[in-house]
Structure formats: C-alpha cells, structure tokens
Amino acid sequence: MRKIIAGMQKIQILIGGLFLLLFFITVAIQMFTRYVGIIATWTEDVEMYSFIWAVFMGASAMVYEKKHFAFTALNDSLKKVQSTKKLSIVVSVVMMIFCILMAYYGTQLTKQFWNYTWVNIPKFKRGVTWICVPIAGITSTIYLLDSIVSNCISLANSKDGAK
C-alpha cells in the first residue's frame, strides 16, 4: 500500500511539474508576442489554469512529505517521540477535515463550472481545469490517512514494548 501511495505522490509531482513548465513556456510566449506586437490573448487563460494545477498538485504532494503544514516550534519543544507522534496525529486529523471539505466543495465547484468555457479558448471547458481541487483534496486525505495509521501503529508498538 505504501508503494502505491508513494507512486501516487510521484505522479502528482510529475503532473505539477509539467503544469509549471507549461506555465513558464506560456509566459515566455506571451512576453515574445507582446514584444513583436502580436496579440495572444489565450496565453492568459493557459497561464492561470496551468499555475492553478501546478499549485494544487504540488501542495497535495507536499502533504505526503509533511512539508506542507507543521507546528515546528511546538514539535521541536516536545521531548518524547510519543508526544511528537500524538501531535502529528492531531495535526493530520485537523488537516484531513480541511482536505475532505476541499474534496467535497471542489467536486461541487467542478460540477458547477463543468460546461462553462474559457474566455479566450471557447472550445476548452472550465470543469476540467477545476477538477484539480477535488483531486488534491482526495489525494491529500489519502496521504494523511496513511500518516495517521503509521503514527498510530508506531505508538501502539512503542506501548507494547514498554509493558
């Protein structure tokens, strides 16, 4: 199971990186077209939506690595490993509530905008561009569940050893 989750995170990093690359290429095209006096209005939509995808995929991938959100000052002040694991569980549960809400409302957002079209590229649907929100919510929830289960198992094993 851990390999599947790690593979999912790598795919998300790849997707986020590709959208970030698309963002930079589109910015370069926009700069070039403005310099030569050509109007390329489509670049604004592509830049905005590719950046949104890059951010949501990257943010979700960082949840897996526990680099997205942390109480480092509180965590550093705790002396016992068990206390840090308990704090990690609490933080993960709070984050998971947010991620579940993000998945739910992201799905509602995607449904609402599914048939809307881009302003400058009317053949593209906006729903596809917003589906990154529920994807990030769902994958973040999976990563957090994995972290919670791992920390609970670790705490249970350390209590068994202490008996």
N, C-alpha and C. Protein backbone atom coordinates (compact mmCIF):
# COMPACT_ATOMS: atom_id res chain seq x y z
N MET A 1 0.82 -1.20 0.00
CA MET A 1 0.00 0.00 0.00
C MET A 1 0.86 1.26 0.00
N ARG A 2 1.93 1.20 0.78
CA ARG A 2 2.82 2.37 0.83
C ARG A 2 3.44 2.68 -0.52
N LYS A 3 3.76 1.64 -1.30
CA LYS A 3 4.34 1.86 -2.63
C LYS A 3 3.34 2.53 -3.56
N ILE A 4 2.08 2.14 -3.44
CA ILE A 4 1.04 2.75 -4.27
C ILE A 4 0.91 4.23 -3.92
N ILE A 5 0.89 4.53 -2.63
CA ILE A 5 0.75 5.92 -2.19
C ILE A 5 1.98 6.73 -2.60
N ALA A 6 3.16 6.16 -2.46
CA ALA A 6 4.38 6.86 -2.88
C ALA A 6 4.37 7.08 -4.40
N GLY A 7 3.88 6.10 -5.14
CA GLY A 7 3.77 6.25 -6.59
C GLY A 7 2.78 7.34 -6.97
N MET A 8 1.67 7.41 -6.24
CA MET A 8 0.68 8.46 -6.46
C MET A 8 1.31 9.84 -6.26
N GLN A 9 2.10 9.97 -5.22
CA GLN A 9 2.75 11.25 -4.93
C GLN A 9 3.75 11.62 -6.02
N LYS A 10 4.47 10.66 -6.53
CA LYS A 10 5.42 10.93 -7.62
C LYS A 10 4.69 11.37 -8.89
N ILE A 11 3.56 10.74 -9.16
CA ILE A 11 2.76 11.14 -10.33
C ILE A 11 2.26 12.57 -10.15
N GLN A 12 1.84 12.90 -8.92
CA GLN A 12 1.38 14.27 -8.67
C GLN A 12 2.50 15.28 -8.85
N ILE A 13 3.68 14.96 -8.40
CA ILE A 13 4.82 15.87 -8.59
C ILE A 13 5.11 16.04 -10.07
N LEU A 14 5.05 14.94 -10.82
CA LEU A 14 5.27 15.00 -12.27
C LEU A 14 4.21 15.88 -12.94
N ILE A 15 2.95 15.67 -12.60
CA ILE A 15 1.87 16.47 -13.18
C ILE A 15 2.05 17.94 -12.81
N GLY A 16 2.33 18.21 -11.53
CA GLY A 16 2.55 19.59 -11.10
C GLY A 16 3.73 20.23 -11.81
N GLY A 17 4.79 19.47 -11.98
CA GLY A 17 5.97 19.97 -12.70
C GLY A 17 5.69 20.26 -14.16
N LEU A 18 4.91 19.39 -14.80
CA LEU A 18 4.54 19.62 -16.20
C LEU A 18 3.69 20.88 -16.36
N PHE A 19 2.76 21.07 -15.43
CA PHE A 19 1.93 22.28 -15.50
C PHE A 19 2.75 23.54 -15.18
N LEU A 20 3.73 23.41 -14.31
CA LEU A 20 4.61 24.55 -14.04
C LEU A 20 5.45 24.87 -15.26
N LEU A 21 5.93 23.84 -15.94
CA LEU A 21 6.67 24.03 -17.18
C LEU A 21 5.78 24.69 -18.24
N LEU A 22 4.55 24.22 -18.36
CA LEU A 22 3.61 24.83 -19.30
C LEU A 22 3.38 26.31 -18.95
N PHE A 23 3.29 26.60 -17.66
CA PHE A 23 3.13 27.98 -17.21
C PHE A 23 4.30 28.85 -17.68
N PHE A 24 5.52 28.38 -17.44
CA PHE A 24 6.70 29.16 -17.83
C PHE A 24 6.82 29.32 -19.35
N ILE A 25 6.52 28.25 -20.09
CA ILE A 25 6.56 28.34 -21.56
C ILE A 25 5.54 29.35 -22.06
N THR A 26 4.35 29.33 -21.47
CA THR A 26 3.30 30.25 -21.89
C THR A 26 3.65 31.69 -21.54
N VAL A 27 4.28 31.90 -20.38
CA VAL A 27 4.73 33.25 -20.03
C VAL A 27 5.76 33.73 -21.04
N ALA A 28 6.68 32.85 -21.43
CA ALA A 28 7.69 33.22 -22.43
C ALA A 28 7.04 33.54 -23.77
N ILE A 29 6.06 32.75 -24.17
CA ILE A 29 5.34 33.03 -25.43
C ILE A 29 4.64 34.38 -25.33
N GLN A 30 4.01 34.64 -24.21
CA GLN A 30 3.31 35.91 -24.04
C GLN A 30 4.28 37.09 -24.10
N MET A 31 5.42 36.96 -23.46
CA MET A 31 6.42 38.04 -23.50
C MET A 31 6.91 38.26 -24.93
N PHE A 32 7.18 37.17 -25.64
CA PHE A 32 7.65 37.27 -27.02
C PHE A 32 6.60 37.92 -27.91
N THR A 33 5.34 37.47 -27.79
CA THR A 33 4.29 38.02 -28.66
C THR A 33 4.03 39.49 -28.36
N ARG A 34 4.15 39.89 -27.13
CA ARG A 34 3.98 41.32 -26.81
C ARG A 34 5.13 42.14 -27.37
N TYR A 35 6.32 41.55 -27.32
CA TYR A 35 7.50 42.25 -27.84
C TYR A 35 7.40 42.49 -29.34
N VAL A 36 6.89 41.48 -30.07
CA VAL A 36 6.79 41.61 -31.53
C VAL A 36 5.47 42.23 -31.97
N GLY A 37 4.58 42.50 -31.02
CA GLY A 37 3.33 43.18 -31.35
C GLY A 37 2.19 42.29 -31.78
N ILE A 38 2.26 41.00 -31.46
CA ILE A 38 1.19 40.06 -31.79
C ILE A 38 0.30 39.91 -30.55
N ILE A 39 -0.99 39.85 -30.77
CA ILE A 39 -1.92 39.67 -29.66
C ILE A 39 -2.18 38.18 -29.48
N ALA A 40 -1.85 37.67 -28.31
CA ALA A 40 -2.09 36.26 -27.98
C ALA A 40 -2.85 36.21 -26.66
N THR A 41 -4.14 36.48 -26.72
CA THR A 41 -4.95 36.55 -25.50
C THR A 41 -5.10 35.19 -24.81
N TRP A 42 -4.97 34.11 -25.57
CA TRP A 42 -5.12 32.78 -25.00
C TRP A 42 -4.09 32.48 -23.93
N THR A 43 -2.94 33.16 -23.97
CA THR A 43 -1.87 32.86 -23.02
C THR A 43 -2.29 33.15 -21.58
N GLU A 44 -3.13 34.14 -21.37
CA GLU A 44 -3.55 34.48 -20.01
C GLU A 44 -4.34 33.34 -19.37
N ASP A 45 -5.26 32.75 -20.13
CA ASP A 45 -6.03 31.62 -19.59
C ASP A 45 -5.13 30.42 -19.32
N VAL A 46 -4.26 30.11 -20.26
CA VAL A 46 -3.37 28.96 -20.10
C VAL A 46 -2.44 29.16 -18.90
N GLU A 47 -1.92 30.37 -18.74
CA GLU A 47 -1.06 30.66 -17.60
C GLU A 47 -1.80 30.46 -16.28
N MET A 48 -2.98 31.05 -16.20
CA MET A 48 -3.73 30.99 -14.94
C MET A 48 -4.09 29.56 -14.57
N TYR A 49 -4.65 28.81 -15.50
CA TYR A 49 -5.11 27.46 -15.16
C TYR A 49 -3.96 26.47 -15.00
N SER A 50 -2.88 26.65 -15.73
CA SER A 50 -1.73 25.76 -15.53
C SER A 50 -1.08 26.03 -14.18
N PHE A 51 -1.06 27.29 -13.76
CA PHE A 51 -0.50 27.62 -12.45
C PHE A 51 -1.37 27.04 -11.34
N ILE A 52 -2.68 27.11 -11.50
CA ILE A 52 -3.60 26.53 -10.50
C ILE A 52 -3.35 25.04 -10.36
N TRP A 53 -3.23 24.33 -11.48
CA TRP A 53 -2.95 22.89 -11.44
C TRP A 53 -1.62 22.62 -10.76
N ALA A 54 -0.60 23.40 -11.10
CA ALA A 54 0.73 23.20 -10.50
C ALA A 54 0.67 23.39 -8.99
N VAL A 55 -0.03 24.40 -8.53
CA VAL A 55 -0.13 24.68 -7.10
C VAL A 55 -0.87 23.57 -6.36
N PHE A 56 -2.02 23.16 -6.87
CA PHE A 56 -2.80 22.13 -6.17
C PHE A 56 -2.11 20.77 -6.19
N MET A 57 -1.47 20.42 -7.28
CA MET A 57 -0.75 19.14 -7.32
C MET A 57 0.47 19.17 -6.40
N GLY A 58 1.18 20.30 -6.41
CA GLY A 58 2.35 20.43 -5.56
C GLY A 58 1.99 20.46 -4.08
N ALA A 59 0.92 21.17 -3.74
CA ALA A 59 0.50 21.26 -2.34
C ALA A 59 0.11 19.89 -1.81
N SER A 60 -0.63 19.15 -2.60
CA SER A 60 -1.03 17.81 -2.18
C SER A 60 0.18 16.88 -2.04
N ALA A 61 1.11 16.97 -2.96
CA ALA A 61 2.31 16.15 -2.88
C ALA A 61 3.14 16.48 -1.64
N MET A 62 3.14 17.73 -1.23
CA MET A 62 3.89 18.12 -0.04
C MET A 62 3.22 17.64 1.25
N VAL A 63 1.92 17.39 1.21
CA VAL A 63 1.24 16.80 2.36
C VAL A 63 1.83 15.42 2.64
N TYR A 64 2.12 14.68 1.58
CA TYR A 64 2.71 13.34 1.73
C TYR A 64 4.07 13.43 2.44
N GLU A 65 4.84 14.43 2.10
CA GLU A 65 6.18 14.58 2.68
C GLU A 65 6.18 15.36 4.00
N LYS A 66 4.99 15.73 4.46
CA LYS A 66 4.82 16.50 5.70
C LYS A 66 5.58 17.82 5.64
N LYS A 67 5.60 18.43 4.47
CA LYS A 67 6.27 19.72 4.29
C LYS A 67 5.29 20.83 4.00
N HIS A 68 4.01 20.50 3.98
CA HIS A 68 3.01 21.49 3.62
C HIS A 68 2.58 22.32 4.82
N PHE A 69 2.42 21.72 5.97
CA PHE A 69 1.88 22.40 7.13
C PHE A 69 2.46 21.74 8.38
N ALA A 70 2.99 22.54 9.30
CA ALA A 70 3.56 21.95 10.51
C ALA A 70 3.64 22.98 11.62
N PHE A 71 3.55 22.49 12.85
CA PHE A 71 3.80 23.31 14.03
C PHE A 71 5.22 23.01 14.50
N THR A 72 6.21 23.55 13.82
CA THR A 72 7.59 23.18 14.12
C THR A 72 8.03 23.65 15.50
N ALA A 73 7.61 24.83 15.93
CA ALA A 73 8.04 25.32 17.25
C ALA A 73 7.51 24.41 18.35
N LEU A 74 6.24 24.04 18.26
CA LEU A 74 5.65 23.14 19.25
C LEU A 74 6.27 21.75 19.15
N ASN A 75 6.44 21.28 17.94
CA ASN A 75 7.02 19.96 17.73
C ASN A 75 8.46 19.88 18.25
N ASP A 76 9.25 20.93 18.03
CA ASP A 76 10.63 20.95 18.48
C ASP A 76 10.74 21.01 20.00
N SER A 77 9.72 21.56 20.67
CA SER A 77 9.78 21.68 22.12
C SER A 77 9.41 20.38 22.83
N LEU A 78 8.81 19.46 22.11
CA LEU A 78 8.43 18.18 22.71
C LEU A 78 9.64 17.26 22.80
N LYS A 79 9.81 16.65 23.96
CA LYS A 79 10.98 15.81 24.19
C LYS A 79 10.75 14.35 23.81
N LYS A 80 9.56 13.84 24.07
CA LYS A 80 9.28 12.43 23.82
C LYS A 80 8.83 12.20 22.38
N VAL A 81 9.29 11.09 21.83
CA VAL A 81 8.90 10.71 20.48
C VAL A 81 7.40 10.45 20.43
N GLN A 82 6.87 9.86 21.49
CA GLN A 82 5.43 9.58 21.54
C GLN A 82 4.62 10.87 21.47
N SER A 83 5.09 11.91 22.14
CA SER A 83 4.38 13.20 22.13
C SER A 83 4.38 13.81 20.73
N THR A 84 5.50 13.70 20.02
CA THR A 84 5.55 14.26 18.67
C THR A 84 4.63 13.48 17.73
N LYS A 85 4.54 12.17 17.93
CA LYS A 85 3.64 11.36 17.10
C LYS A 85 2.18 11.70 17.40
N LYS A 86 1.86 11.93 18.66
CA LYS A 86 0.49 12.31 19.02
C LYS A 86 0.15 13.68 18.43
N LEU A 87 1.08 14.62 18.48
CA LEU A 87 0.86 15.93 17.88
C LEU A 87 0.67 15.78 16.37
N SER A 88 1.46 14.93 15.76
CA SER A 88 1.35 14.69 14.32
C SER A 88 -0.03 14.14 13.96
N ILE A 89 -0.55 13.26 14.80
CA ILE A 89 -1.89 12.69 14.57
C ILE A 89 -2.95 13.80 14.66
N VAL A 90 -2.85 14.65 15.68
CA VAL A 90 -3.82 15.74 15.85
C VAL A 90 -3.77 16.69 14.66
N VAL A 91 -2.57 17.09 14.26
CA VAL A 91 -2.42 17.99 13.11
C VAL A 91 -2.96 17.33 11.84
N SER A 92 -2.67 16.05 11.66
CA SER A 92 -3.15 15.33 10.47
C SER A 92 -4.68 15.24 10.45
N VAL A 93 -5.30 15.04 11.59
CA VAL A 93 -6.76 14.97 11.65
C VAL A 93 -7.36 16.32 11.28
N VAL A 94 -6.80 17.41 11.83
CA VAL A 94 -7.30 18.75 11.51
C VAL A 94 -7.14 19.02 10.01
N MET A 95 -5.97 18.69 9.47
CA MET A 95 -5.74 18.89 8.04
C MET A 95 -6.68 18.01 7.20
N MET A 96 -6.94 16.79 7.67
CA MET A 96 -7.79 15.88 6.92
C MET A 96 -9.22 16.41 6.85
N ILE A 97 -9.70 17.03 7.90
CA ILE A 97 -11.03 17.64 7.87
C ILE A 97 -11.07 18.70 6.77
N PHE A 98 -10.04 19.52 6.71
CA PHE A 98 -9.97 20.54 5.66
C PHE A 98 -9.91 19.89 4.28
N CYS A 99 -9.13 18.84 4.13
CA CYS A 99 -8.97 18.18 2.82
C CYS A 99 -10.26 17.50 2.37
N ILE A 100 -11.01 16.93 3.32
CA ILE A 100 -12.30 16.33 2.97
C ILE A 100 -13.26 17.41 2.49
N LEU A 101 -13.26 18.55 3.18
CA LEU A 101 -14.09 19.68 2.74
C LEU A 101 -13.64 20.19 1.37
N MET A 102 -12.33 20.22 1.15
CA MET A 102 -11.80 20.65 -0.13
C MET A 102 -12.24 19.69 -1.24
N ALA A 103 -12.23 18.39 -0.96
CA ALA A 103 -12.67 17.41 -1.95
C ALA A 103 -14.16 17.57 -2.24
N TYR A 104 -14.95 17.75 -1.20
CA TYR A 104 -16.40 17.89 -1.38
C TYR A 104 -16.74 19.16 -2.15
N TYR A 105 -16.26 20.30 -1.65
CA TYR A 105 -16.60 21.56 -2.31
C TYR A 105 -15.89 21.72 -3.65
N GLY A 106 -14.75 21.10 -3.79
CA GLY A 106 -14.07 21.10 -5.09
C GLY A 106 -14.87 20.33 -6.13
N THR A 107 -15.51 19.25 -5.69
CA THR A 107 -16.39 18.50 -6.59
C THR A 107 -17.59 19.35 -6.99
N GLN A 108 -18.16 20.07 -6.02
CA GLN A 108 -19.29 20.97 -6.32
C GLN A 108 -18.86 22.06 -7.29
N LEU A 109 -17.68 22.63 -7.07
CA LEU A 109 -17.14 23.67 -7.95
C LEU A 109 -16.94 23.14 -9.37
N THR A 110 -16.38 21.95 -9.46
CA THR A 110 -16.14 21.33 -10.77
C THR A 110 -17.45 21.08 -11.50
N LYS A 111 -18.44 20.55 -10.78
CA LYS A 111 -19.75 20.32 -11.39
C LYS A 111 -20.37 21.63 -11.89
N GLN A 112 -20.25 22.67 -11.06
CA GLN A 112 -20.86 23.95 -11.42
C GLN A 112 -20.23 24.53 -12.69
N PHE A 113 -18.91 24.43 -12.81
CA PHE A 113 -18.22 25.04 -13.94
C PHE A 113 -17.96 24.07 -15.09
N TRP A 114 -18.45 22.85 -15.00
CA TRP A 114 -18.12 21.83 -15.99
C TRP A 114 -18.40 22.29 -17.42
N ASN A 115 -19.51 22.91 -17.67
CA ASN A 115 -19.87 23.29 -19.04
C ASN A 115 -19.52 24.74 -19.37
N TYR A 116 -18.94 25.47 -18.43
CA TYR A 116 -18.50 26.82 -18.75
C TYR A 116 -17.28 26.71 -19.66
N THR A 117 -17.10 27.69 -20.51
CA THR A 117 -15.95 27.66 -21.42
C THR A 117 -14.95 28.73 -21.02
N TRP A 118 -13.72 28.53 -21.48
CA TRP A 118 -12.69 29.54 -21.26
C TRP A 118 -13.06 30.78 -22.05
N VAL A 119 -12.64 31.93 -21.57
CA VAL A 119 -12.96 33.18 -22.24
C VAL A 119 -12.27 33.26 -23.59
N ASN A 120 -11.00 32.98 -23.63
CA ASN A 120 -10.22 33.14 -24.86
C ASN A 120 -10.10 31.88 -25.70
N ILE A 121 -10.45 30.73 -25.12
CA ILE A 121 -10.42 29.47 -25.88
C ILE A 121 -11.75 28.77 -25.62
N PRO A 122 -12.81 29.16 -26.31
CA PRO A 122 -14.15 28.65 -26.03
C PRO A 122 -14.33 27.14 -26.20
N LYS A 123 -13.42 26.46 -26.88
CA LYS A 123 -13.54 25.01 -27.05
C LYS A 123 -13.12 24.25 -25.79
N PHE A 124 -12.43 24.91 -24.87
CA PHE A 124 -11.99 24.27 -23.63
C PHE A 124 -13.04 24.50 -22.55
N LYS A 125 -13.31 23.46 -21.78
CA LYS A 125 -14.28 23.55 -20.68
C LYS A 125 -13.56 23.88 -19.37
N ARG A 126 -14.18 24.70 -18.56
CA ARG A 126 -13.57 25.08 -17.28
C ARG A 126 -13.64 23.96 -16.24
N GLY A 127 -14.60 23.08 -16.36
CA GLY A 127 -14.71 21.99 -15.38
C GLY A 127 -13.44 21.17 -15.30
N VAL A 128 -12.85 20.92 -16.45
CA VAL A 128 -11.61 20.14 -16.49
C VAL A 128 -10.48 20.89 -15.78
N THR A 129 -10.51 22.20 -15.87
CA THR A 129 -9.45 22.97 -15.22
C THR A 129 -9.61 23.00 -13.70
N TRP A 130 -10.84 22.88 -13.20
CA TRP A 130 -11.07 22.93 -11.75
C TRP A 130 -11.09 21.56 -11.09
N ILE A 131 -10.97 20.50 -11.83
CA ILE A 131 -11.00 19.17 -11.24
C ILE A 131 -9.76 18.90 -10.37
N CYS A 132 -8.77 19.76 -10.51
CA CYS A 132 -7.57 19.62 -9.68
C CYS A 132 -7.87 19.84 -8.20
N VAL A 133 -8.91 20.60 -7.88
CA VAL A 133 -9.24 20.87 -6.47
C VAL A 133 -9.71 19.60 -5.75
N PRO A 134 -10.72 18.88 -6.28
CA PRO A 134 -11.08 17.64 -5.59
C PRO A 134 -9.99 16.57 -5.66
N ILE A 135 -9.22 16.54 -6.73
CA ILE A 135 -8.11 15.58 -6.81
C ILE A 135 -7.12 15.84 -5.67
N ALA A 136 -6.77 17.11 -5.47
CA ALA A 136 -5.85 17.46 -4.39
C ALA A 136 -6.45 17.12 -3.03
N GLY A 137 -7.73 17.37 -2.85
CA GLY A 137 -8.39 17.05 -1.58
C GLY A 137 -8.40 15.55 -1.30
N ILE A 138 -8.71 14.78 -2.31
CA ILE A 138 -8.78 13.32 -2.15
C ILE A 138 -7.40 12.73 -1.89
N THR A 139 -6.42 13.13 -2.70
CA THR A 139 -5.08 12.56 -2.51
C THR A 139 -4.46 13.02 -1.19
N SER A 140 -4.71 14.26 -0.80
CA SER A 140 -4.20 14.73 0.50
C SER A 140 -4.82 13.93 1.63
N THR A 141 -6.11 13.63 1.52
CA THR A 141 -6.79 12.81 2.54
C THR A 141 -6.15 11.43 2.62
N ILE A 142 -5.84 10.85 1.47
CA ILE A 142 -5.19 9.53 1.45
C ILE A 142 -3.82 9.60 2.12
N TYR A 143 -3.05 10.63 1.80
CA TYR A 143 -1.72 10.78 2.41
C TYR A 143 -1.83 10.97 3.92
N LEU A 144 -2.82 11.74 4.36
CA LEU A 144 -2.99 11.99 5.79
C LEU A 144 -3.46 10.74 6.51
N LEU A 145 -4.37 9.97 5.90
CA LEU A 145 -4.79 8.70 6.49
C LEU A 145 -3.60 7.76 6.67
N ASP A 146 -2.76 7.70 5.66
CA ASP A 146 -1.56 6.87 5.74
C ASP A 146 -0.66 7.32 6.88
N SER A 147 -0.50 8.61 7.04
CA SER A 147 0.32 9.15 8.12
C SER A 147 -0.29 8.85 9.49
N ILE A 148 -1.60 9.01 9.61
CA ILE A 148 -2.28 8.74 10.89
C ILE A 148 -2.14 7.26 11.26
N VAL A 149 -2.40 6.38 10.30
CA VAL A 149 -2.29 4.94 10.57
C VAL A 149 -0.86 4.58 10.95
N SER A 150 0.11 5.12 10.23
CA SER A 150 1.51 4.84 10.52
C SER A 150 1.89 5.30 11.93
N ASN A 151 1.45 6.51 12.30
CA ASN A 151 1.76 7.02 13.64
C ASN A 151 1.03 6.22 14.73
N CYS A 152 -0.20 5.81 14.47
CA CYS A 152 -0.94 5.00 15.46
C CYS A 152 -0.27 3.64 15.66
N ILE A 153 0.16 3.02 14.56
CA ILE A 153 0.86 1.73 14.67
C ILE A 153 2.16 1.91 15.44
N SER A 154 2.88 2.97 15.15
CA SER A 154 4.13 3.24 15.85
C SER A 154 3.90 3.47 17.34
N LEU A 155 2.84 4.20 17.67
CA LEU A 155 2.52 4.42 19.09
C LEU A 155 2.12 3.12 19.77
N ALA A 156 1.32 2.31 19.10
CA ALA A 156 0.89 1.03 19.67
C ALA A 156 2.08 0.10 19.88
N ASN A 157 3.02 0.08 18.94
CA ASN A 157 4.20 -0.76 19.06
C ASN A 157 5.10 -0.28 20.19
N SER A 158 5.20 1.03 20.37
CA SER A 158 6.06 1.55 21.44
C SER A 158 5.44 1.29 22.81
N LYS A 159 4.12 1.27 22.91
CA LYS A 159 3.45 0.95 24.18
C LYS A 159 3.61 -0.52 24.51
N ASP A 160 3.56 -1.39 23.46
CA ASP A 160 3.74 -2.82 23.68
C ASP A 160 5.14 -3.12 24.19
N GLY A 161 6.12 -2.39 23.68
CA GLY A 161 7.49 -2.59 24.12
C GLY A 161 7.73 -2.08 25.52
N ALA A 162 6.91 -1.13 25.98
CA ALA A 162 7.09 -0.55 27.31
C ALA A 162 6.47 -1.43 28.40
N LYS A 163 5.62 -2.40 28.04
CA LYS A 163 4.94 -3.24 29.04
C LYS A 163 5.85 -4.27 29.61
